[in-house]
């Protein structure tokens, strides 16, 4: 089925069309890649900064909503 004459003609006709589509879409692919890399670097940088500024004992799942004050040492 792949070796018949119709398949070869179709491939010859589709080659330039697919090439043109690739050339037209290449700038958009490049822009999307650059934006993706920039956003990824920004997010990783912000998470690293947030990780460096948060105290080690910070527990985001624990909420102290009772209003009790902690005892002072001394």
PDB file of N, CA and C in Angstrom:
ATOM      1  N   UNK A   1       0.823  -1.194   0.000  1.00  0.00           N
ATOM      2  CA  UNK A   1       0.000   0.000   0.000  1.00  0.00           C
ATOM      3  C   UNK A   1       0.871   1.263   0.000  1.00  0.00           C
ATOM      4  N   UNK A   2       1.999   1.223   0.692  1.00  0.00           N
ATOM      5  CA  UNK A   2       2.841   2.409   0.752  1.00  0.00           C
ATOM      6  C   UNK A   2       3.672   2.611  -0.511  1.00  0.00           C
ATOM      7  N   UNK A   3       3.810   1.600  -1.329  1.00  0.00           N
ATOM      8  CA  UNK A   3       4.677   1.699  -2.496  1.00  0.00           C
ATOM      9  C   UNK A   3       3.931   2.022  -3.784  1.00  0.00           C
ATOM     10  N   UNK A   4       2.647   2.294  -3.705  1.00  0.00           N
ATOM     11  CA  UNK A   4       1.939   2.592  -4.951  1.00  0.00           C
ATOM     12  C   UNK A   4       2.212   4.026  -5.410  1.00  0.00           C
ATOM     13  N   UNK A   5       1.870   4.321  -6.627  1.00  0.00           N
ATOM     14  CA  UNK A   5       2.180   5.611  -7.245  1.00  0.00           C
ATOM     15  C   UNK A   5       1.425   6.774  -6.636  1.00  0.00           C
ATOM     16  N   UNK A   6       0.190   6.543  -6.164  1.00  0.00           N
ATOM     17  CA  UNK A   6      -0.604   7.629  -5.592  1.00  0.00           C
ATOM     18  C   UNK A   6       0.039   8.161  -4.310  1.00  0.00           C
ATOM     19  N   UNK A   7       0.572   7.265  -3.533  1.00  0.00           N
ATOM     20  CA  UNK A   7       1.199   7.681  -2.280  1.00  0.00           C
ATOM     21  C   UNK A   7       2.405   8.580  -2.550  1.00  0.00           C
ATOM     22  N   UNK A   8       3.181   8.250  -3.548  1.00  0.00           N
ATOM     23  CA  UNK A   8       4.357   9.057  -3.880  1.00  0.00           C
ATOM     24  C   UNK A   8       3.956  10.442  -4.375  1.00  0.00           C
ATOM     25  N   UNK A   9       2.914  10.502  -5.176  1.00  0.00           N
ATOM     26  CA  UNK A   9       2.448  11.793  -5.694  1.00  0.00           C
ATOM     27  C   UNK A   9       1.920  12.661  -4.553  1.00  0.00           C
ATOM     28  N   UNK A  10       1.160  12.046  -3.661  1.00  0.00           N
ATOM     29  CA  UNK A  10       0.621  12.798  -2.521  1.00  0.00           C
ATOM     30  C   UNK A  10       1.765  13.340  -1.660  1.00  0.00           C
ATOM     31  N   UNK A  11       2.773  12.522  -1.427  1.00  0.00           N
ATOM     32  CA  UNK A  11       3.911  12.969  -0.618  1.00  0.00           C
ATOM     33  C   UNK A  11       4.682  14.086  -1.321  1.00  0.00           C
ATOM     34  N   UNK A  12       4.810  14.006  -2.626  1.00  0.00           N
ATOM     35  CA  UNK A  12       5.474  15.074  -3.374  1.00  0.00           C
ATOM     36  C   UNK A  12       4.697  16.386  -3.290  1.00  0.00           C
ATOM     37  N   UNK A  13       3.384  16.297  -3.286  1.00  0.00           N
ATOM     38  CA  UNK A  13       2.570  17.506  -3.203  1.00  0.00           C
ATOM     39  C   UNK A  13       2.508  18.060  -1.775  1.00  0.00           C
ATOM     40  N   UNK A  14       2.532  17.178  -0.785  1.00  0.00           N
ATOM     41  CA  UNK A  14       2.442  17.638   0.597  1.00  0.00           C
ATOM     42  C   UNK A  14       3.765  18.178   1.135  1.00  0.00           C
ATOM     43  N   UNK A  15       4.875  17.796   0.550  1.00  0.00           N
ATOM     44  CA  UNK A  15       6.179  18.237   1.033  1.00  0.00           C
ATOM     45  C   UNK A  15       6.322  19.747   1.093  1.00  0.00           C
ATOM     46  N   UNK A  16       6.092  20.458   0.001  1.00  0.00           N
ATOM     47  CA  UNK A  16       6.217  21.925   0.046  1.00  0.00           C
ATOM     48  C   UNK A  16       5.193  22.582   0.974  1.00  0.00           C
ATOM     49  N   UNK A  17       3.999  22.012   1.052  1.00  0.00           N
ATOM     50  CA  UNK A  17       2.967  22.585   1.923  1.00  0.00           C
ATOM     51  C   UNK A  17       3.379  22.439   3.389  1.00  0.00           C
ATOM     52  N   UNK A  18       3.872  21.267   3.757  1.00  0.00           N
ATOM     53  CA  UNK A  18       4.324  21.057   5.132  1.00  0.00           C
ATOM     54  C   UNK A  18       5.559  21.902   5.443  1.00  0.00           C
ATOM     55  N   UNK A  19       6.439  22.065   4.471  1.00  0.00           N
ATOM     56  CA  UNK A  19       7.608  22.922   4.660  1.00  0.00           C
ATOM     57  C   UNK A  19       7.210  24.370   4.882  1.00  0.00           C
ATOM     58  N   UNK A  20       6.244  24.850   4.110  1.00  0.00           N
ATOM     59  CA  UNK A  20       5.755  26.219   4.272  1.00  0.00           C
ATOM     60  C   UNK A  20       5.100  26.399   5.637  1.00  0.00           C
ATOM     61  N   UNK A  21       4.320  25.419   6.055  1.00  0.00           N
ATOM     62  CA  UNK A  21       3.685  25.497   7.373  1.00  0.00           C
ATOM     63  C   UNK A  21       4.745  25.550   8.473  1.00  0.00           C
ATOM     64  N   UNK A  22       5.799  24.772   8.325  1.00  0.00           N
ATOM     65  CA  UNK A  22       6.885  24.775   9.311  1.00  0.00           C
ATOM     66  C   UNK A  22       7.571  26.141   9.353  1.00  0.00           C
ATOM     67  N   UNK A  23       7.850  26.707   8.202  1.00  0.00           N
ATOM     68  CA  UNK A  23       8.524  28.009   8.145  1.00  0.00           C
ATOM     69  C   UNK A  23       7.638  29.099   8.740  1.00  0.00           C
ATOM     70  N   UNK A  24       6.340  29.022   8.505  1.00  0.00           N
ATOM     71  CA  UNK A  24       5.424  30.028   9.044  1.00  0.00           C
ATOM     72  C   UNK A  24       5.294  29.887  10.556  1.00  0.00           C
ATOM     73  N   UNK A  25       5.248  28.658  11.063  1.00  0.00           N
ATOM     74  CA  UNK A  25       5.034  28.432  12.492  1.00  0.00           C
ATOM     75  C   UNK A  25       6.313  28.496  13.323  1.00  0.00           C
ATOM     76  N   UNK A  26       7.467  28.451  12.701  1.00  0.00           N
ATOM     77  CA  UNK A  26       8.728  28.434  13.438  1.00  0.00           C
ATOM     78  C   UNK A  26       8.916  29.645  14.358  1.00  0.00           C
ATOM     79  N   UNK A  27       8.602  30.871  13.939  1.00  0.00           N
ATOM     80  CA  UNK A  27       8.742  32.001  14.874  1.00  0.00           C
ATOM     81  C   UNK A  27       7.843  31.865  16.102  1.00  0.00           C
ATOM     82  N   UNK A  28       6.631  31.366  15.917  1.00  0.00           N
ATOM     83  CA  UNK A  28       5.720  31.190  17.046  1.00  0.00           C
ATOM     84  C   UNK A  28       6.226  30.105  17.999  1.00  0.00           C
ATOM     85  N   UNK A  29       6.788  29.058  17.439  1.00  0.00           N
ATOM     86  CA  UNK A  29       7.368  27.994  18.262  1.00  0.00           C
ATOM     87  C   UNK A  29       8.543  28.552  19.063  1.00  0.00           C
ATOM     88  N   UNK A  30       9.355  29.379  18.433  1.00  0.00           N
ATOM     89  CA  UNK A  30      10.503  29.979  19.112  1.00  0.00           C
ATOM     90  C   UNK A  30      10.055  30.905  20.232  1.00  0.00           C
ATOM     91  N   UNK A  31       9.071  31.747  19.959  1.00  0.00           N
ATOM     92  CA  UNK A  31       8.562  32.670  20.977  1.00  0.00           C
ATOM     93  C   UNK A  31       7.978  31.893  22.151  1.00  0.00           C
ATOM     94  N   UNK A  32       7.212  30.855  21.877  1.00  0.00           N
ATOM     95  CA  UNK A  32       6.625  30.046  22.950  1.00  0.00           C
ATOM     96  C   UNK A  32       7.711  29.375  23.786  1.00  0.00           C
ATOM     97  N   UNK A  33       8.763  28.911  23.144  1.00  0.00           N
ATOM     98  CA  UNK A  33       9.861  28.271  23.874  1.00  0.00           C
ATOM     99  C   UNK A  33      10.586  29.272  24.761  1.00  0.00           C
ATOM    100  N   UNK A  34      10.861  30.454  24.242  1.00  0.00           N
ATOM    101  CA  UNK A  34      11.554  31.486  25.025  1.00  0.00           C
ATOM    102  C   UNK A  34      10.701  31.909  26.221  1.00  0.00           C
ATOM    103  N   UNK A  35       9.409  32.095  26.007  1.00  0.00           N
ATOM    104  CA  UNK A  35       8.518  32.476  27.108  1.00  0.00           C
ATOM    105  C   UNK A  35       8.468  31.376  28.162  1.00  0.00           C
ATOM    106  N   UNK A  36       8.385  30.128  27.729  1.00  0.00           N
ATOM    107  CA  UNK A  36       8.338  29.006  28.668  1.00  0.00           C
ATOM    108  C   UNK A  36       9.601  28.942  29.513  1.00  0.00           C
ATOM    109  N   UNK A  37      10.751  29.095  28.887  1.00  0.00           N
ATOM    110  CA  UNK A  37      12.018  29.043  29.625  1.00  0.00           C
ATOM    111  C   UNK A  37      12.120  30.218  30.594  1.00  0.00           C
ATOM    112  N   UNK A  38      11.710  31.407  30.164  1.00  0.00           N
ATOM    113  CA  UNK A  38      11.788  32.585  31.033  1.00  0.00           C
ATOM    114  C   UNK A  38      10.865  32.448  32.240  1.00  0.00           C
ATOM    115  N   UNK A  39       9.650  31.979  32.013  1.00  0.00           N
ATOM    116  CA  UNK A  39       8.705  31.803  33.121  1.00  0.00           C
ATOM    117  C   UNK A  39       9.210  30.737  34.086  1.00  0.00           C
ATOM    118  N   UNK A  40       9.751  29.654  33.549  1.00  0.00           N
ATOM    119  CA  UNK A  40      10.274  28.593  34.405  1.00  0.00           C
ATOM    120  C   UNK A  40      11.428  29.108  35.276  1.00  0.00           C
ATOM    121  N   UNK A  41      12.329  29.875  34.683  1.00  0.00           N
ATOM    122  CA  UNK A  41      13.449  30.426  35.456  1.00  0.00           C
ATOM    123  C   UNK A  41      12.947  31.401  36.520  1.00  0.00           C
ATOM    124  N   UNK A  42      11.950  32.209  36.187  1.00  0.00           N
ATOM    125  CA  UNK A  42      11.408  33.161  37.157  1.00  0.00           C
ATOM    126  C   UNK A  42      10.732  32.435  38.316  1.00  0.00           C
ATOM    127  N   UNK A  43       9.950  31.415  38.018  1.00  0.00           N
ATOM    128  CA  UNK A  43       9.250  30.677  39.071  1.00  0.00           C
ATOM    129  C   UNK A  43      10.244  29.941  39.964  1.00  0.00           C
ATOM    130  N   UNK A  44      11.224  29.293  39.368  1.00  0.00           N
ATOM    131  CA  UNK A  44      12.232  28.584  40.162  1.00  0.00           C
ATOM    132  C   UNK A  44      13.014  29.573  41.024  1.00  0.00           C
ATOM    133  N   UNK A  45      13.327  30.733  40.479  1.00  0.00           N
ATOM    134  CA  UNK A  45      14.029  31.756  41.254  1.00  0.00           C
ATOM    135  C   UNK A  45      13.206  32.267  42.421  1.00  0.00           C
ATOM    136  N   UNK A  46      11.916  32.520  42.195  1.00  0.00           N
ATOM    137  CA  UNK A  46      11.055  32.993  43.276  1.00  0.00           C
ATOM    138  C   UNK A  46      10.873  31.922  44.343  1.00  0.00           C
ATOM    139  N   UNK A  47      10.726  30.665  43.938  1.00  0.00           N
ATOM    140  CA  UNK A  47      10.593  29.590  44.921  1.00  0.00           C
ATOM    141  C   UNK A  47      11.874  29.422  45.726  1.00  0.00           C
ATOM    142  N   UNK A  48      13.008  29.577  45.075  1.00  0.00           N
ATOM    143  CA  UNK A  48      14.278  29.507  45.792  1.00  0.00           C
ATOM    144  C   UNK A  48      14.424  30.645  46.784  1.00  0.00           C
ATOM    145  N   UNK A  49      14.004  31.836  46.380  1.00  0.00           N
ATOM    146  CA  UNK A  49      14.061  32.988  47.277  1.00  0.00           C
ATOM    147  C   UNK A  49      13.100  32.807  48.443  1.00  0.00           C
ATOM    148  N   UNK A  50      11.907  32.313  48.158  1.00  0.00           N
ATOM    149  CA  UNK A  50      10.935  32.072  49.223  1.00  0.00           C
ATOM    150  C   UNK A  50      11.443  31.000  50.176  1.00  0.00           C
ATOM    151  N   UNK A  51      12.087  29.990  49.652  1.00  0.00           N
ATOM    152  CA  UNK A  51      12.637  28.940  50.498  1.00  0.00           C
ATOM    153  C   UNK A  51      13.772  29.436  51.364  1.00  0.00           C
ATOM    154  N   UNK A  52      14.506  30.414  50.891  1.00  0.00           N
ATOM    155  CA  UNK A  52      15.628  30.951  51.658  1.00  0.00           C
ATOM    156  C   UNK A  52      15.164  31.923  52.737  1.00  0.00           C
ATOM    157  N   UNK A  53      14.011  32.549  52.560  1.00  0.00           N
ATOM    158  CA  UNK A  53      13.551  33.547  53.521  1.00  0.00           C
ATOM    159  C   UNK A  53      12.600  32.984  54.564  1.00  0.00           C
ATOM    160  N   UNK A  54      12.039  31.817  54.338  1.00  0.00           N
ATOM    161  CA  UNK A  54      11.103  31.224  55.291  1.00  0.00           C
ATOM    162  C   UNK A  54      11.891  30.552  56.413  1.00  0.00           C
ATOM    163  N   UNK A  55      11.531  30.806  57.662  1.00  0.00           N
ATOM    164  CA  UNK A  55      12.230  30.147  58.766  1.00  0.00           C
ATOM    165  C   UNK A  55      12.085  28.628  58.698  1.00  0.00           C
ATOM    166  N   UNK A  56      13.056  27.938  59.246  1.00  0.00           N
ATOM    167  CA  UNK A  56      13.071  26.484  59.170  1.00  0.00           C
ATOM    168  C   UNK A  56      11.899  25.868  59.917  1.00  0.00           C
ATOM    169  N   UNK A  57      11.459  26.491  61.021  1.00  0.00           N
ATOM    170  CA  UNK A  57      10.393  25.922  61.829  1.00  0.00           C
ATOM    171  C   UNK A  57       9.007  26.294  61.335  1.00  0.00           C
ATOM    172  N   UNK A  58       8.893  26.955  60.247  1.00  0.00           N
ATOM    173  CA  UNK A  58       7.597  27.368  59.733  1.00  0.00           C
ATOM    174  C   UNK A  58       6.825  26.166  59.252  1.00  0.00           C
ATOM    175  N   UNK A  59       5.592  26.026  59.726  1.00  0.00           N
ATOM    176  CA  UNK A  59       4.730  24.918  59.326  1.00  0.00           C
ATOM    177  C   UNK A  59       3.438  25.505  58.762  1.00  0.00           C
ATOM    178  N   UNK A  60       3.274  25.495  57.459  1.00  0.00           N
ATOM    179  CA  UNK A  60       2.099  26.141  56.869  1.00  0.00           C
ATOM    180  C   UNK A  60       0.794  25.423  57.184  1.00  0.00           C
ATOM    181  N   UNK A  61       0.830  24.163  57.605  1.00  0.00           N
ATOM    182  CA  UNK A  61      -0.409  23.435  57.887  1.00  0.00           C
ATOM    183  C   UNK A  61      -0.880  23.638  59.320  1.00  0.00           C
ATOM    184  N   UNK A  62      -0.096  24.276  60.156  1.00  0.00           N
ATOM    185  CA  UNK A  62      -0.466  24.502  61.548  1.00  0.00           C
ATOM    186  C   UNK A  62      -0.952  25.940  61.702  1.00  0.00           C
ATOM    187  N   UNK A  63      -2.151  26.087  62.247  1.00  0.00           N
ATOM    188  CA  UNK A  63      -2.710  27.415  62.462  1.00  0.00           C
ATOM    189  C   UNK A  63      -2.962  27.607  63.954  1.00  0.00           C
ATOM    190  N   UNK A  64      -2.498  28.713  64.487  1.00  0.00           N
ATOM    191  CA  UNK A  64      -2.722  29.041  65.887  1.00  0.00           C
ATOM    192  C   UNK A  64      -3.804  30.117  65.941  1.00  0.00           C
ATOM    193  N   UNK A  65      -5.043  29.678  65.952  1.00  0.00           N
ATOM    194  CA  UNK A  65      -6.160  30.613  65.894  1.00  0.00           C
ATOM    195  C   UNK A  65      -6.827  30.800  67.253  1.00  0.00           C
ATOM    196  N   UNK A  66      -6.302  30.189  68.319  1.00  0.00           N
ATOM    197  CA  UNK A  66      -6.941  30.270  69.629  1.00  0.00           C
ATOM    198  C   UNK A  66      -6.615  31.557  70.357  1.00  0.00           C
ATOM    199  N   UNK A  67      -5.616  32.259  69.933  1.00  0.00           N
ATOM    200  CA  UNK A  67      -5.257  33.515  70.559  1.00  0.00           C
ATOM    201  C   UNK A  67      -4.388  33.360  71.786  1.00  0.00           C
ATOM    202  N   UNK A  68      -3.958  32.162  72.092  1.00  0.00           N
ATOM    203  CA  UNK A  68      -3.107  31.939  73.258  1.00  0.00           C
ATOM    204  C   UNK A  68      -1.707  32.470  72.977  1.00  0.00           C
ATOM    205  N   UNK A  69      -1.146  33.097  73.969  1.00  0.00           N
ATOM    206  CA  UNK A  69       0.217  33.589  73.828  1.00  0.00           C
ATOM    207  C   UNK A  69       1.170  32.532  74.348  1.00  0.00           C
ATOM    208  N   UNK A  70       2.312  32.457  73.756  1.00  0.00           N
ATOM    209  CA  UNK A  70       3.321  31.504  74.185  1.00  0.00           C
ATOM    210  C   UNK A  70       4.015  32.028  75.435  1.00  0.00           C
ATOM    211  N   UNK A  71       4.461  31.095  76.268  1.00  0.00           N
ATOM    212  CA  UNK A  71       5.177  31.473  77.474  1.00  0.00           C
ATOM    213  C   UNK A  71       6.562  31.981  77.106  1.00  0.00           C
ATOM    214  N   UNK A  72       6.976  33.035  77.786  1.00  0.00           N
ATOM    215  CA  UNK A  72       8.304  33.582  77.547  1.00  0.00           C
ATOM    216  C   UNK A  72       9.318  32.822  78.380  1.00  0.00           C
ATOM    217  N   UNK A  73      10.466  32.604  77.794  1.00  0.00           N
ATOM    218  CA  UNK A  73      11.545  31.945  78.525  1.00  0.00           C
ATOM    219  C   UNK A  73      12.228  32.970  79.422  1.00  0.00           C
ATOM    220  N   UNK A  74      12.629  32.513  80.605  1.00  0.00           N
ATOM    221  CA  UNK A  74      13.414  33.428  81.393  1.00  0.00           C
ATOM    222  C   UNK A  74      12.968  33.516  82.749  1.00  0.00           C
TER     223      UNK A  74
END
